[in-house]
């Protein structure tokens, strides 16, 4: 994409954004290094610079930016999506993802319970129930969920799928075990 096309596209995205943090975050997110983790840190920095508190969460803004981006996607960007997915899978580790999720899980529950808009839509969900906080704390102490490894998510996914395929081929794996997922 040429510099002029990119600038026009960013301007259109910002014009469609509903709030100032989203408008400011759009160019920063699209330029962020480190993919998912870098994008989240950039949004968190912007939130702090605007003095936002409980109701302003990085995942909300990243979600809003992604929706704007994919609703107005230029054709040339479609060619870059595959490459971006591959790069993010090879550079984001389970440790980074899990650390972020645990850091924000309890806070997200507070938001969903305290904001009437969210509470109305999520009160029936088990993941937003009163026992969800205790389940998050238990999961954080479970060894295999700690994210101790430094293997990128994409490599882990390929290894797990390969192992599952091999076990299935040798009939050493009961596919009904996946019913729990």
Protein backbone atom coordinates (compact mmCIF):
# COMPACT_ATOMS: atom_id res chain seq x y z
CA UNK A 1 0.00 0.00 0.00
CA UNK A 2 1.43 3.38 -0.93
CA UNK A 3 2.00 5.99 1.77
CA UNK A 4 -0.84 8.14 0.41
CA UNK A 5 -3.27 5.19 0.30
CA UNK A 6 -2.28 4.19 3.82
CA UNK A 7 -2.79 7.74 5.12
CA UNK A 8 -6.23 7.96 3.46
CA UNK A 9 -7.21 4.58 4.86
CA UNK A 10 -6.12 5.53 8.40
CA UNK A 11 -8.04 8.82 8.09
CA UNK A 12 -11.21 6.91 7.08
CA UNK A 13 -10.83 4.52 10.01
CA UNK A 14 -10.36 7.39 12.44
CA UNK A 15 -13.40 9.19 11.00
CA UNK A 16 -15.51 6.09 11.73
CA UNK A 17 -14.21 5.70 15.30
CA UNK A 18 -16.59 6.65 18.08
CA UNK A 19 -14.25 7.92 20.81
CA UNK A 20 -10.93 9.77 21.15
CA UNK A 21 -8.88 6.84 22.50
CA UNK A 22 -9.91 4.67 19.55
CA UNK A 23 -9.10 7.47 17.09
CA UNK A 24 -5.67 7.93 18.64
CA UNK A 25 -5.00 4.21 18.94
CA UNK A 26 -5.70 3.29 15.30
CA UNK A 27 -2.40 4.44 13.77
CA UNK A 28 -0.46 3.33 16.86
CA UNK A 29 -1.95 -0.19 16.74
CA UNK A 30 -1.38 -0.65 13.03
CA UNK A 31 2.25 0.40 13.51
CA UNK A 32 2.84 -1.51 16.79
CA UNK A 33 5.73 -3.92 16.91
CA UNK A 34 5.27 -7.18 18.75
CA UNK A 35 1.83 -7.86 17.28
CA UNK A 36 -0.79 -8.79 19.88
CA UNK A 37 1.33 -8.02 22.95
CA UNK A 38 2.68 -4.81 21.43
CA UNK A 39 -0.81 -3.68 20.46
CA UNK A 40 -2.18 -4.32 23.93
CA UNK A 41 0.71 -2.45 25.60
CA UNK A 42 0.18 0.49 23.23
CA UNK A 43 -3.54 0.68 24.03
CA UNK A 44 -2.84 0.41 27.77
CA UNK A 45 -0.37 3.30 27.46
CA UNK A 46 -3.02 5.41 25.69
CA UNK A 47 -5.66 4.56 28.31
CA UNK A 48 -3.31 5.64 31.10
CA UNK A 49 -2.40 8.87 29.28
CA UNK A 50 -6.13 9.75 29.10
CA UNK A 51 -6.63 8.98 32.81
CA UNK A 52 -9.30 6.36 32.11
CA UNK A 53 -10.24 4.02 34.95
CA UNK A 54 -12.18 0.76 35.41
CA UNK A 55 -14.54 1.02 32.45
CA UNK A 56 -11.75 1.62 29.92
CA UNK A 57 -10.06 -1.63 29.01
CA UNK A 58 -7.50 -2.35 26.35
CA UNK A 59 -9.39 -5.37 25.00
CA UNK A 60 -12.46 -3.20 24.38
CA UNK A 61 -10.48 -0.70 22.33
CA UNK A 62 -8.58 -3.36 20.41
CA UNK A 63 -11.90 -5.05 19.62
CA UNK A 64 -13.36 -1.76 18.38
CA UNK A 65 -10.32 -1.10 16.18
CA UNK A 66 -10.44 -4.63 14.74
CA UNK A 67 -14.13 -4.21 13.90
CA UNK A 68 -13.47 -0.90 12.16
CA UNK A 69 -10.51 -2.37 10.31
CA UNK A 70 -12.26 -5.49 9.02
CA UNK A 71 -15.46 -3.67 8.09
CA UNK A 72 -13.53 -1.30 5.81
CA UNK A 73 -10.71 -3.56 4.71
CA UNK A 74 -8.91 -2.46 1.54
CA UNK A 75 -8.23 -5.23 -0.96
CA UNK A 76 -4.49 -4.93 -0.67
CA UNK A 77 -4.69 -5.64 3.07
CA UNK A 78 -6.20 -9.07 2.43
CA UNK A 79 -2.86 -10.15 1.00
CA UNK A 80 -1.13 -9.13 4.24
CA UNK A 81 -3.50 -10.87 6.63
CA UNK A 82 -1.99 -14.35 6.18
CA UNK A 83 1.49 -12.99 6.76
CA UNK A 84 0.38 -11.06 9.86
CA UNK A 85 -1.26 -14.18 11.34
CA UNK A 86 1.86 -16.25 10.73
CA UNK A 87 4.10 -13.59 12.28
CA UNK A 88 1.88 -13.22 15.34
CA UNK A 89 1.73 -16.99 15.87
CA UNK A 90 5.49 -17.25 15.66
CA UNK A 91 6.25 -14.30 17.94
CA UNK A 92 3.55 -14.43 20.66
CA UNK A 93 4.25 -16.93 23.40
CA UNK A 94 1.67 -18.72 25.57
CA UNK A 95 3.33 -17.05 28.56
CA UNK A 96 2.51 -13.60 27.20
CA UNK A 97 -1.09 -14.52 26.35
CA UNK A 98 -1.79 -16.30 29.64
CA UNK A 99 -0.17 -13.55 31.75
CA UNK A 100 -2.37 -10.98 30.02
CA UNK A 101 -5.52 -13.07 30.47
CA UNK A 102 -4.93 -13.65 34.19
CA UNK A 103 -4.08 -10.00 34.74
CA UNK A 104 -7.34 -8.88 33.19
CA UNK A 105 -9.72 -11.73 34.03
CA UNK A 106 -10.81 -10.56 37.48
CA UNK A 107 -11.00 -6.97 36.31
CA UNK A 108 -13.21 -7.96 33.37
CA UNK A 109 -15.59 -9.76 35.74
CA UNK A 110 -15.94 -6.53 37.74
CA UNK A 111 -16.73 -4.60 34.58
CA UNK A 112 -19.34 -7.11 33.42
CA UNK A 113 -20.99 -7.05 36.82
CA UNK A 114 -20.90 -3.28 37.41
CA UNK A 115 -21.79 -1.94 33.95
CA UNK A 116 -25.53 -2.36 33.33
CA UNK A 117 -25.07 -2.67 29.55
CA UNK A 118 -22.64 -5.59 29.93
CA UNK A 119 -24.43 -7.13 32.92
CA UNK A 120 -27.70 -7.36 31.02
CA UNK A 121 -26.00 -9.27 28.20
CA UNK A 122 -23.70 -11.50 30.27
CA UNK A 123 -25.51 -12.27 33.55
CA UNK A 124 -26.73 -15.63 32.20
CA UNK A 125 -23.22 -16.77 31.19
CA UNK A 126 -21.41 -19.23 33.40
CA UNK A 127 -18.13 -17.42 32.69
CA UNK A 128 -19.58 -14.29 34.35
CA UNK A 129 -21.17 -16.07 37.31
CA UNK A 130 -20.10 -15.48 40.93
CA UNK A 131 -18.01 -18.67 40.90
CA UNK A 132 -16.02 -17.54 37.85
CA UNK A 133 -13.56 -15.51 39.96
CA UNK A 134 -12.66 -18.53 42.08
CA UNK A 135 -12.30 -20.66 38.94
CA UNK A 136 -9.89 -18.11 37.48
CA UNK A 137 -7.78 -18.19 40.66
CA UNK A 138 -7.71 -22.02 40.60
CA UNK A 139 -6.77 -22.07 36.92
CA UNK A 140 -3.92 -19.64 37.53
CA UNK A 141 -2.31 -22.07 39.98
CA UNK A 142 -2.76 -25.11 37.71
CA UNK A 143 0.70 -26.09 36.43
CA UNK A 144 -0.15 -26.70 32.80
CA UNK A 145 -1.99 -23.38 32.53
CA UNK A 146 0.82 -21.21 33.88
CA UNK A 147 2.41 -20.61 30.52
CA UNK A 148 5.94 -21.35 31.66
CA UNK A 149 7.20 -22.28 28.23
CA UNK A 150 8.69 -19.79 25.79
CA UNK A 151 7.52 -21.65 22.70
CA UNK A 152 5.51 -19.42 20.32
CA UNK A 153 1.79 -20.24 20.11
CA UNK A 154 1.95 -21.25 16.45
CA UNK A 155 4.69 -23.79 17.04
CA UNK A 156 2.82 -25.17 20.06
CA UNK A 157 -0.34 -25.49 17.96
CA UNK A 158 1.49 -27.37 15.20
CA UNK A 159 3.14 -29.71 17.73
CA UNK A 160 -0.15 -30.47 19.49
CA UNK A 161 -1.98 -31.06 16.21
CA UNK A 162 0.85 -33.27 14.93
CA UNK A 163 0.91 -35.30 18.14
CA UNK A 164 -2.88 -35.68 18.04
CA UNK A 165 -2.77 -36.81 14.40
CA UNK A 166 -0.06 -39.38 15.11
CA UNK A 167 -1.90 -40.73 18.15
CA UNK A 168 -5.13 -40.93 16.15
CA UNK A 169 -3.41 -42.76 13.27
CA UNK A 170 -2.09 -45.38 15.68
CA UNK A 171 -5.49 -45.58 17.39
CA UNK A 172 -3.92 -44.48 20.68
CA UNK A 173 -6.24 -41.54 21.07
CA UNK A 174 -9.93 -41.60 21.86
CA UNK A 175 -11.58 -38.68 20.01
CA UNK A 176 -14.31 -38.63 22.67
CA UNK A 177 -11.75 -37.11 25.05
CA UNK A 178 -12.18 -33.87 23.15
CA UNK A 179 -15.84 -33.73 24.17
CA UNK A 180 -14.73 -31.86 27.32
CA UNK A 181 -13.47 -29.00 25.19
